[in-house]
Amino acid sequence: MNALYLVALLPPESVFSETWALKQEVHRLTGSRNAVGLPPHITLIPPLRQPDAFEAACTATLTEFAATQQPFSVSLDGFAWFDNRTLFVQVSEARALQSFHAALMDWCQTRLPAVPPEKRPFTPHLTLATRDLPPAQVPALRELFAARSYAGAFVVHNITLFRHDGQHWQPRATFALRTL
């Protein structure tokens, strides 16, 4: 059976702790298990099923790619929704992240063709809860987060490959961006 993989960037500790607390709050309020099923992250390559051999090829490819990329800044500002399914922290000033993502997808297209081209535009965000939010609780959750604010910023120094073990997402490898 093919394993499920994804590539993401994880915020550093201060932003990680703050956004993890938000995810746990949503879980407590709604029972959403997706809220706490994966640490706070920004998805670069969405989940895809691949045979075990993919992990070694992906690791080699991401190691090479990361060595060509310089660290860049990400700013987070406020909350938003995709329909009534997904509550997230917005990425503001997303130009650097969008350029990084475009370079990653171009790199994969020629060096790791198992990663399919994206079908939707890349909208960087940090998900707080998705898919299993109880519809009856969404209006109150919308109202709660509309009245709140959140802002954070960090420098991206690495990206992470995750593999799903059947119950949880496990980090498999971290790839450091080029240091100056």
N, C-alpha and C. Protein backbone atom coordinates (compact mmCIF):
# COMPACT_ATOMS: atom_id res chain seq x y z
N MET A 1 0.84 -1.19 0.00
CA MET A 1 0.00 0.00 0.00
C MET A 1 0.88 1.25 0.00
N ASN A 2 0.46 2.25 -0.71
CA ASN A 2 1.21 3.49 -0.80
C ASN A 2 1.05 4.32 0.46
N ALA A 3 2.14 4.98 0.85
CA ALA A 3 2.13 5.85 2.02
C ALA A 3 1.68 7.25 1.61
N LEU A 4 1.24 8.01 2.58
CA LEU A 4 0.79 9.38 2.37
C LEU A 4 1.89 10.32 2.85
N TYR A 5 2.31 11.25 1.97
CA TYR A 5 3.38 12.19 2.26
C TYR A 5 2.88 13.62 2.09
N LEU A 6 3.54 14.56 2.74
CA LEU A 6 3.33 15.97 2.47
C LEU A 6 4.60 16.73 2.83
N VAL A 7 4.79 17.90 2.21
CA VAL A 7 5.94 18.76 2.48
C VAL A 7 5.39 20.08 3.00
N ALA A 8 5.98 20.55 4.10
CA ALA A 8 5.48 21.77 4.73
C ALA A 8 6.62 22.55 5.36
N LEU A 9 6.32 23.79 5.67
CA LEU A 9 7.26 24.54 6.50
C LEU A 9 6.62 24.73 7.86
N LEU A 10 7.44 24.55 8.88
CA LEU A 10 6.99 24.69 10.26
C LEU A 10 7.50 26.01 10.81
N PRO A 11 6.66 26.74 11.52
CA PRO A 11 7.15 27.98 12.12
C PRO A 11 8.08 27.66 13.30
N PRO A 12 8.95 28.59 13.66
CA PRO A 12 9.81 28.38 14.81
C PRO A 12 9.01 28.44 16.11
N GLU A 13 9.66 28.13 17.20
CA GLU A 13 9.00 27.89 18.48
C GLU A 13 7.98 28.95 18.90
N SER A 14 8.29 30.21 18.87
CA SER A 14 7.34 31.18 19.40
C SER A 14 6.02 31.15 18.60
N VAL A 15 6.10 31.20 17.29
CA VAL A 15 4.89 31.15 16.46
C VAL A 15 4.26 29.77 16.53
N PHE A 16 5.09 28.74 16.59
CA PHE A 16 4.59 27.37 16.71
C PHE A 16 3.71 27.25 17.96
N SER A 17 4.22 27.69 19.10
CA SER A 17 3.47 27.57 20.37
C SER A 17 2.17 28.35 20.33
N GLU A 18 2.23 29.56 19.79
CA GLU A 18 1.02 30.39 19.73
C GLU A 18 -0.04 29.76 18.83
N THR A 19 0.36 29.27 17.67
CA THR A 19 -0.62 28.70 16.75
C THR A 19 -1.06 27.31 17.19
N TRP A 20 -0.19 26.58 17.87
CA TRP A 20 -0.59 25.27 18.42
C TRP A 20 -1.66 25.49 19.49
N ALA A 21 -1.52 26.52 20.31
CA ALA A 21 -2.54 26.83 21.32
C ALA A 21 -3.87 27.16 20.64
N LEU A 22 -3.84 27.87 19.52
CA LEU A 22 -5.08 28.17 18.79
C LEU A 22 -5.71 26.88 18.25
N LYS A 23 -4.90 25.99 17.71
CA LYS A 23 -5.42 24.72 17.20
C LYS A 23 -6.05 23.90 18.34
N GLN A 24 -5.40 23.89 19.49
CA GLN A 24 -5.94 23.15 20.63
C GLN A 24 -7.25 23.78 21.13
N GLU A 25 -7.32 25.11 21.09
CA GLU A 25 -8.55 25.78 21.48
C GLU A 25 -9.71 25.38 20.55
N VAL A 26 -9.46 25.38 19.24
CA VAL A 26 -10.49 24.96 18.29
C VAL A 26 -10.90 23.51 18.56
N HIS A 27 -9.93 22.67 18.85
CA HIS A 27 -10.24 21.27 19.18
C HIS A 27 -11.14 21.18 20.42
N ARG A 28 -10.80 21.94 21.46
CA ARG A 28 -11.61 21.92 22.70
C ARG A 28 -13.03 22.43 22.43
N LEU A 29 -13.14 23.47 21.62
CA LEU A 29 -14.44 24.07 21.35
C LEU A 29 -15.33 23.22 20.45
N THR A 30 -14.72 22.53 19.49
CA THR A 30 -15.52 21.86 18.45
C THR A 30 -15.33 20.34 18.39
N GLY A 31 -14.28 19.85 19.02
CA GLY A 31 -13.98 18.42 18.91
C GLY A 31 -13.25 18.07 17.63
N SER A 32 -12.88 19.07 16.84
CA SER A 32 -12.18 18.82 15.58
C SER A 32 -10.86 18.09 15.83
N ARG A 33 -10.76 16.89 15.30
CA ARG A 33 -9.51 16.14 15.45
C ARG A 33 -8.47 16.60 14.43
N ASN A 34 -8.95 17.08 13.27
CA ASN A 34 -8.01 17.58 12.27
C ASN A 34 -7.24 18.80 12.79
N ALA A 35 -7.83 19.51 13.74
CA ALA A 35 -7.16 20.68 14.30
C ALA A 35 -5.84 20.30 14.96
N VAL A 36 -5.79 19.14 15.55
CA VAL A 36 -4.59 18.74 16.30
C VAL A 36 -3.88 17.53 15.70
N GLY A 37 -4.27 17.14 14.50
CA GLY A 37 -3.67 15.97 13.86
C GLY A 37 -2.31 16.24 13.24
N LEU A 38 -1.97 17.50 13.06
CA LEU A 38 -0.71 17.88 12.43
C LEU A 38 -0.26 19.17 13.09
N PRO A 39 1.04 19.31 13.37
CA PRO A 39 1.49 20.54 14.00
C PRO A 39 1.24 21.75 13.09
N PRO A 40 1.27 22.96 13.67
CA PRO A 40 1.09 24.15 12.84
C PRO A 40 2.11 24.15 11.69
N HIS A 41 1.62 24.42 10.50
CA HIS A 41 2.48 24.36 9.32
C HIS A 41 1.84 25.12 8.17
N ILE A 42 2.63 25.37 7.15
CA ILE A 42 2.14 25.89 5.88
C ILE A 42 2.49 24.83 4.85
N THR A 43 1.48 24.27 4.20
CA THR A 43 1.67 23.20 3.23
C THR A 43 2.32 23.74 1.97
N LEU A 44 3.36 23.05 1.52
CA LEU A 44 4.02 23.37 0.25
C LEU A 44 3.65 22.36 -0.83
N ILE A 45 3.65 21.09 -0.46
CA ILE A 45 3.20 20.01 -1.36
C ILE A 45 2.10 19.27 -0.61
N PRO A 46 0.85 19.35 -1.09
CA PRO A 46 -0.25 18.73 -0.37
C PRO A 46 -0.10 17.21 -0.31
N PRO A 47 -0.85 16.58 0.60
CA PRO A 47 -0.75 15.13 0.76
C PRO A 47 -0.88 14.38 -0.56
N LEU A 48 0.02 13.43 -0.76
CA LEU A 48 -0.04 12.58 -1.95
C LEU A 48 0.40 11.17 -1.57
N ARG A 49 -0.26 10.20 -2.18
CA ARG A 49 0.06 8.78 -1.94
C ARG A 49 1.14 8.34 -2.91
N GLN A 50 2.17 7.71 -2.34
CA GLN A 50 3.30 7.26 -3.15
C GLN A 50 3.85 5.96 -2.56
N PRO A 51 4.50 5.15 -3.39
CA PRO A 51 5.15 3.95 -2.86
C PRO A 51 6.33 4.34 -1.96
N ASP A 52 6.78 3.39 -1.15
CA ASP A 52 7.86 3.65 -0.20
C ASP A 52 9.11 4.23 -0.85
N ALA A 53 9.40 3.85 -2.08
CA ALA A 53 10.60 4.33 -2.77
C ALA A 53 10.56 5.84 -2.97
N PHE A 54 9.38 6.44 -2.93
CA PHE A 54 9.25 7.88 -3.10
C PHE A 54 10.02 8.63 -2.03
N GLU A 55 10.03 8.12 -0.82
CA GLU A 55 10.65 8.86 0.29
C GLU A 55 12.13 9.13 0.03
N ALA A 56 12.86 8.14 -0.45
CA ALA A 56 14.29 8.34 -0.74
C ALA A 56 14.48 9.34 -1.88
N ALA A 57 13.68 9.20 -2.93
CA ALA A 57 13.80 10.13 -4.07
C ALA A 57 13.42 11.54 -3.64
N CYS A 58 12.38 11.68 -2.84
CA CYS A 58 11.93 12.98 -2.37
C CYS A 58 12.99 13.60 -1.46
N THR A 59 13.56 12.80 -0.59
CA THR A 59 14.60 13.29 0.31
C THR A 59 15.79 13.83 -0.47
N ALA A 60 16.24 13.09 -1.46
CA ALA A 60 17.37 13.54 -2.28
C ALA A 60 17.02 14.83 -3.03
N THR A 61 15.84 14.87 -3.61
CA THR A 61 15.42 16.03 -4.39
C THR A 61 15.28 17.27 -3.51
N LEU A 62 14.65 17.11 -2.33
CA LEU A 62 14.46 18.26 -1.45
C LEU A 62 15.77 18.74 -0.84
N THR A 63 16.70 17.83 -0.61
CA THR A 63 18.03 18.22 -0.12
C THR A 63 18.71 19.13 -1.14
N GLU A 64 18.66 18.71 -2.40
CA GLU A 64 19.26 19.52 -3.48
C GLU A 64 18.55 20.86 -3.63
N PHE A 65 17.23 20.82 -3.62
CA PHE A 65 16.47 22.06 -3.79
C PHE A 65 16.76 23.05 -2.66
N ALA A 66 16.67 22.59 -1.42
CA ALA A 66 16.87 23.47 -0.27
C ALA A 66 18.23 24.15 -0.32
N ALA A 67 19.23 23.45 -0.81
CA ALA A 67 20.58 24.02 -0.89
C ALA A 67 20.67 25.18 -1.88
N THR A 68 19.68 25.32 -2.75
CA THR A 68 19.68 26.41 -3.73
C THR A 68 18.88 27.62 -3.26
N GLN A 69 18.19 27.49 -2.13
CA GLN A 69 17.26 28.53 -1.69
C GLN A 69 17.75 29.27 -0.46
N GLN A 70 17.54 30.57 -0.45
CA GLN A 70 17.91 31.38 0.71
C GLN A 70 16.73 31.48 1.67
N PRO A 71 17.02 31.63 2.97
CA PRO A 71 15.94 31.87 3.93
C PRO A 71 15.11 33.09 3.52
N PHE A 72 13.86 33.10 3.91
CA PHE A 72 12.95 34.21 3.58
C PHE A 72 11.97 34.40 4.73
N SER A 73 11.33 35.55 4.74
CA SER A 73 10.40 35.90 5.83
C SER A 73 8.97 35.57 5.47
N VAL A 74 8.22 35.19 6.50
CA VAL A 74 6.79 34.96 6.39
C VAL A 74 6.11 35.77 7.49
N SER A 75 5.05 36.48 7.12
CA SER A 75 4.25 37.23 8.09
C SER A 75 2.85 36.65 8.13
N LEU A 76 2.31 36.54 9.33
CA LEU A 76 0.96 36.05 9.54
C LEU A 76 0.13 37.19 10.11
N ASP A 77 -1.11 37.31 9.63
CA ASP A 77 -1.93 38.41 10.11
C ASP A 77 -3.41 38.08 9.96
N GLY A 78 -4.05 37.79 11.06
CA GLY A 78 -5.50 37.60 11.08
C GLY A 78 -5.96 36.20 10.70
N PHE A 79 -7.26 36.04 10.76
CA PHE A 79 -7.90 34.75 10.49
C PHE A 79 -8.82 34.86 9.28
N ALA A 80 -9.00 33.75 8.60
CA ALA A 80 -9.92 33.71 7.46
C ALA A 80 -10.43 32.28 7.31
N TRP A 81 -11.31 32.10 6.35
CA TRP A 81 -11.96 30.81 6.11
C TRP A 81 -11.92 30.47 4.63
N PHE A 82 -11.84 29.17 4.35
CA PHE A 82 -12.18 28.63 3.05
C PHE A 82 -13.57 28.03 3.24
N ASP A 83 -14.58 28.64 2.64
CA ASP A 83 -15.97 28.22 2.82
C ASP A 83 -16.27 28.09 4.32
N ASN A 84 -16.99 27.04 4.71
CA ASN A 84 -17.24 26.76 6.13
C ASN A 84 -16.45 25.55 6.59
N ARG A 85 -15.43 25.20 5.81
CA ARG A 85 -14.70 23.97 6.11
C ARG A 85 -13.37 24.20 6.79
N THR A 86 -12.72 25.31 6.51
CA THR A 86 -11.34 25.48 6.95
C THR A 86 -11.12 26.86 7.56
N LEU A 87 -10.71 26.88 8.83
CA LEU A 87 -10.32 28.09 9.53
C LEU A 87 -8.79 28.15 9.51
N PHE A 88 -8.25 29.32 9.15
CA PHE A 88 -6.80 29.41 9.06
C PHE A 88 -6.29 30.78 9.45
N VAL A 89 -4.98 30.83 9.72
CA VAL A 89 -4.27 32.09 9.93
C VAL A 89 -3.77 32.52 8.56
N GLN A 90 -4.02 33.78 8.20
CA GLN A 90 -3.63 34.28 6.89
C GLN A 90 -2.14 34.58 6.83
N VAL A 91 -1.55 34.28 5.69
CA VAL A 91 -0.19 34.72 5.41
C VAL A 91 -0.31 36.06 4.71
N SER A 92 0.31 37.08 5.28
CA SER A 92 0.32 38.39 4.65
C SER A 92 1.68 38.58 3.98
N GLU A 93 1.76 39.48 3.05
CA GLU A 93 3.02 39.68 2.33
C GLU A 93 3.57 38.33 1.86
N ALA A 94 2.81 37.64 1.05
CA ALA A 94 3.11 36.26 0.67
C ALA A 94 4.03 36.14 -0.54
N ARG A 95 4.52 37.24 -1.09
CA ARG A 95 5.30 37.19 -2.32
C ARG A 95 6.50 36.26 -2.24
N ALA A 96 7.29 36.37 -1.17
CA ALA A 96 8.49 35.52 -1.04
C ALA A 96 8.12 34.05 -0.94
N LEU A 97 7.06 33.76 -0.18
CA LEU A 97 6.62 32.38 -0.03
C LEU A 97 6.06 31.85 -1.35
N GLN A 98 5.34 32.66 -2.08
CA GLN A 98 4.81 32.23 -3.38
C GLN A 98 5.94 31.98 -4.37
N SER A 99 6.97 32.80 -4.34
CA SER A 99 8.13 32.57 -5.22
C SER A 99 8.85 31.29 -4.85
N PHE A 100 9.01 31.06 -3.55
CA PHE A 100 9.65 29.84 -3.08
C PHE A 100 8.85 28.61 -3.53
N HIS A 101 7.55 28.67 -3.35
CA HIS A 101 6.68 27.56 -3.75
C HIS A 101 6.76 27.30 -5.25
N ALA A 102 6.73 28.37 -6.05
CA ALA A 102 6.82 28.22 -7.51
C ALA A 102 8.15 27.56 -7.89
N ALA A 103 9.23 27.97 -7.24
CA ALA A 103 10.55 27.36 -7.51
C ALA A 103 10.55 25.88 -7.12
N LEU A 104 9.93 25.56 -5.99
CA LEU A 104 9.84 24.16 -5.55
C LEU A 104 9.05 23.33 -6.56
N MET A 105 7.93 23.84 -7.01
CA MET A 105 7.11 23.08 -7.96
C MET A 105 7.84 22.91 -9.29
N ASP A 106 8.54 23.93 -9.76
CA ASP A 106 9.34 23.82 -10.99
C ASP A 106 10.43 22.76 -10.82
N TRP A 107 11.09 22.79 -9.67
CA TRP A 107 12.16 21.84 -9.37
C TRP A 107 11.60 20.41 -9.39
N CYS A 108 10.47 20.21 -8.75
CA CYS A 108 9.87 18.87 -8.70
C CYS A 108 9.41 18.40 -10.07
N GLN A 109 8.94 19.32 -10.88
CA GLN A 109 8.44 18.93 -12.20
C GLN A 109 9.52 18.24 -13.02
N THR A 110 10.77 18.72 -12.90
CA THR A 110 11.84 18.11 -13.68
C THR A 110 12.61 17.04 -12.92
N ARG A 111 12.63 17.10 -11.59
CA ARG A 111 13.46 16.18 -10.81
C ARG A 111 12.69 15.18 -9.97
N LEU A 112 11.41 15.42 -9.76
CA LEU A 112 10.58 14.52 -8.96
C LEU A 112 9.17 14.52 -9.56
N PRO A 113 9.02 13.92 -10.75
CA PRO A 113 7.74 14.01 -11.46
C PRO A 113 6.58 13.31 -10.75
N ALA A 114 6.86 12.54 -9.69
CA ALA A 114 5.77 11.93 -8.93
C ALA A 114 4.94 12.98 -8.21
N VAL A 115 5.49 14.18 -8.03
CA VAL A 115 4.74 15.29 -7.44
C VAL A 115 3.95 15.95 -8.58
N PRO A 116 2.63 15.84 -8.53
CA PRO A 116 1.84 16.40 -9.63
C PRO A 116 1.78 17.92 -9.57
N PRO A 117 1.61 18.56 -10.73
CA PRO A 117 1.40 20.02 -10.71
C PRO A 117 0.12 20.32 -9.93
N GLU A 118 0.10 21.47 -9.29
CA GLU A 118 -1.09 21.83 -8.51
C GLU A 118 -2.24 22.20 -9.44
N LYS A 119 -3.44 21.82 -9.01
CA LYS A 119 -4.63 22.11 -9.80
C LYS A 119 -5.27 23.44 -9.40
N ARG A 120 -4.94 23.90 -8.17
CA ARG A 120 -5.51 25.16 -7.67
C ARG A 120 -4.37 26.15 -7.45
N PRO A 121 -4.69 27.43 -7.45
CA PRO A 121 -3.65 28.41 -7.14
C PRO A 121 -3.14 28.20 -5.71
N PHE A 122 -1.86 28.42 -5.51
CA PHE A 122 -1.25 28.30 -4.19
C PHE A 122 -1.71 29.47 -3.33
N THR A 123 -2.40 29.16 -2.24
CA THR A 123 -2.86 30.16 -1.28
C THR A 123 -2.23 29.83 0.06
N PRO A 124 -1.08 30.42 0.36
CA PRO A 124 -0.40 30.04 1.61
C PRO A 124 -1.22 30.43 2.83
N HIS A 125 -1.30 29.52 3.78
CA HIS A 125 -2.07 29.73 5.00
C HIS A 125 -1.61 28.72 6.05
N LEU A 126 -1.93 28.99 7.29
CA LEU A 126 -1.62 28.09 8.39
C LEU A 126 -2.96 27.61 8.95
N THR A 127 -3.32 26.37 8.66
CA THR A 127 -4.63 25.83 9.01
C THR A 127 -4.76 25.63 10.52
N LEU A 128 -5.92 26.06 11.03
CA LEU A 128 -6.24 25.79 12.43
C LEU A 128 -7.20 24.61 12.56
N ALA A 129 -8.10 24.47 11.61
CA ALA A 129 -9.04 23.33 11.62
C ALA A 129 -9.64 23.19 10.24
N THR A 130 -9.93 21.96 9.86
CA THR A 130 -10.51 21.71 8.55
C THR A 130 -11.32 20.42 8.55
N ARG A 131 -12.12 20.28 7.55
CA ARG A 131 -12.89 19.09 7.21
C ARG A 131 -13.87 18.60 8.26
N ASP A 132 -13.45 18.37 9.49
CA ASP A 132 -14.35 17.76 10.46
C ASP A 132 -14.96 18.76 11.44
N LEU A 133 -14.96 20.04 11.08
CA LEU A 133 -15.64 21.02 11.93
C LEU A 133 -17.15 20.73 11.89
N PRO A 134 -17.78 20.58 13.03
CA PRO A 134 -19.23 20.35 13.03
C PRO A 134 -19.96 21.57 12.47
N PRO A 135 -20.74 21.40 11.42
CA PRO A 135 -21.41 22.54 10.78
C PRO A 135 -22.20 23.41 11.75
N ALA A 136 -22.81 22.82 12.75
CA ALA A 136 -23.61 23.60 13.70
C ALA A 136 -22.74 24.54 14.55
N GLN A 137 -21.46 24.23 14.67
CA GLN A 137 -20.58 25.06 15.50
C GLN A 137 -19.81 26.11 14.71
N VAL A 138 -19.89 26.05 13.40
CA VAL A 138 -19.13 26.98 12.57
C VAL A 138 -19.56 28.44 12.79
N PRO A 139 -20.86 28.77 12.85
CA PRO A 139 -21.21 30.19 13.05
C PRO A 139 -20.60 30.79 14.32
N ALA A 140 -20.63 30.06 15.43
CA ALA A 140 -20.04 30.58 16.67
C ALA A 140 -18.52 30.69 16.55
N LEU A 141 -17.90 29.75 15.87
CA LEU A 141 -16.45 29.79 15.67
C LEU A 141 -16.07 30.98 14.77
N ARG A 142 -16.86 31.21 13.74
CA ARG A 142 -16.63 32.37 12.87
C ARG A 142 -16.72 33.68 13.68
N GLU A 143 -17.75 33.77 14.51
CA GLU A 143 -17.93 34.97 15.32
C GLU A 143 -16.77 35.15 16.30
N LEU A 144 -16.36 34.08 16.93
CA LEU A 144 -15.25 34.14 17.89
C LEU A 144 -13.97 34.64 17.24
N PHE A 145 -13.61 34.07 16.09
CA PHE A 145 -12.35 34.44 15.44
C PHE A 145 -12.44 35.76 14.68
N ALA A 146 -13.64 36.20 14.31
CA ALA A 146 -13.80 37.51 13.68
C ALA A 146 -13.50 38.63 14.69
N ALA A 147 -13.70 38.34 15.96
CA ALA A 147 -13.48 39.34 17.00
C ALA A 147 -12.05 39.31 17.55
N ARG A 148 -11.23 38.43 17.05
CA ARG A 148 -9.86 38.28 17.55
C ARG A 148 -8.85 38.70 16.50
N SER A 149 -7.64 38.90 16.99
CA SER A 149 -6.56 39.20 16.05
C SER A 149 -5.36 38.31 16.38
N TYR A 150 -4.54 38.13 15.41
CA TYR A 150 -3.28 37.41 15.60
C TYR A 150 -2.30 37.93 14.56
N ALA A 151 -1.08 38.13 14.98
CA ALA A 151 -0.02 38.51 14.05
C ALA A 151 1.26 37.84 14.50
N GLY A 152 2.03 37.40 13.56
CA GLY A 152 3.31 36.78 13.85
C GLY A 152 4.18 36.86 12.61
N ALA A 153 5.47 36.68 12.82
CA ALA A 153 6.40 36.68 11.70
C ALA A 153 7.57 35.77 12.04
N PHE A 154 8.16 35.21 11.01
CA PHE A 154 9.32 34.35 11.22
C PHE A 154 10.10 34.23 9.93
N VAL A 155 11.31 33.76 10.07
CA VAL A 155 12.17 33.49 8.92
C VAL A 155 12.18 31.99 8.69
N VAL A 156 11.97 31.59 7.45
CA VAL A 156 11.99 30.18 7.08
C VAL A 156 13.44 29.77 6.82
N HIS A 157 13.89 28.78 7.57
CA HIS A 157 15.25 28.26 7.42
C HIS A 157 15.26 26.83 6.90
N ASN A 158 14.09 26.16 6.91
CA ASN A 158 14.04 24.78 6.44
C ASN A 158 12.62 24.38 6.09
N ILE A 159 12.51 23.24 5.43
CA ILE A 159 11.22 22.64 5.11
C ILE A 159 11.26 21.20 5.59
N THR A 160 10.08 20.60 5.76
CA THR A 160 9.99 19.27 6.36
C THR A 160 9.14 18.34 5.51
N LEU A 161 9.61 17.12 5.37
CA LEU A 161 8.84 16.04 4.73
C LEU A 161 8.15 15.24 5.82
N PHE A 162 6.83 15.06 5.69
CA PHE A 162 6.04 14.26 6.62
C PHE A 162 5.53 13.01 5.94
N ARG A 163 5.36 11.96 6.73
CA ARG A 163 4.75 10.71 6.27
C ARG A 163 3.68 10.33 7.29
N HIS A 164 2.52 9.94 6.80
CA HIS A 164 1.43 9.54 7.68
C HIS A 164 1.62 8.06 8.06
N ASP A 165 1.57 7.78 9.36
CA ASP A 165 1.79 6.40 9.82
C ASP A 165 0.49 5.62 9.99
N GLY A 166 -0.61 6.18 9.50
CA GLY A 166 -1.91 5.53 9.65
C GLY A 166 -2.75 6.20 10.71
N GLN A 167 -2.08 6.90 11.65
CA GLN A 167 -2.80 7.63 12.69
C GLN A 167 -2.33 9.08 12.82
N HIS A 168 -1.04 9.32 12.59
CA HIS A 168 -0.48 10.65 12.78
C HIS A 168 0.53 10.97 11.68
N TRP A 169 0.73 12.26 11.47
CA TRP A 169 1.78 12.70 10.56
C TRP A 169 3.10 12.71 11.33
N GLN A 170 4.11 12.07 10.76
CA GLN A 170 5.43 11.98 11.39
C GLN A 170 6.45 12.72 10.52
N PRO A 171 7.26 13.61 11.13
CA PRO A 171 8.33 14.24 10.35
C PRO A 171 9.36 13.17 9.96
N ARG A 172 9.74 13.14 8.70
CA ARG A 172 10.70 12.14 8.22
C ARG A 172 12.06 12.74 7.96
N ALA A 173 12.09 13.99 7.49
CA ALA A 173 13.37 14.66 7.21
C ALA A 173 13.13 16.16 7.16
N THR A 174 14.15 16.90 7.57
CA THR A 174 14.12 18.36 7.51
C THR A 174 15.26 18.80 6.61
N PHE A 175 15.00 19.78 5.76
CA PHE A 175 15.95 20.21 4.74
C PHE A 175 16.29 21.68 4.97
N ALA A 176 17.53 21.95 5.30
CA ALA A 176 17.97 23.31 5.59
C ALA A 176 18.16 24.10 4.31
N LEU A 177 17.65 25.33 4.32
CA LEU A 177 17.88 26.23 3.21
C LEU A 177 19.33 26.71 3.28
N ARG A 178 19.81 27.18 2.16
CA ARG A 178 21.20 27.63 2.04
C ARG A 178 21.46 28.74 3.05
N THR A 179 22.56 28.63 3.76
CA THR A 179 22.95 29.70 4.68
C THR A 179 23.85 30.66 3.94
N LEU A 180 23.75 31.90 4.28
CA LEU A 180 24.52 32.93 3.59
C LEU A 180 25.94 33.01 4.12
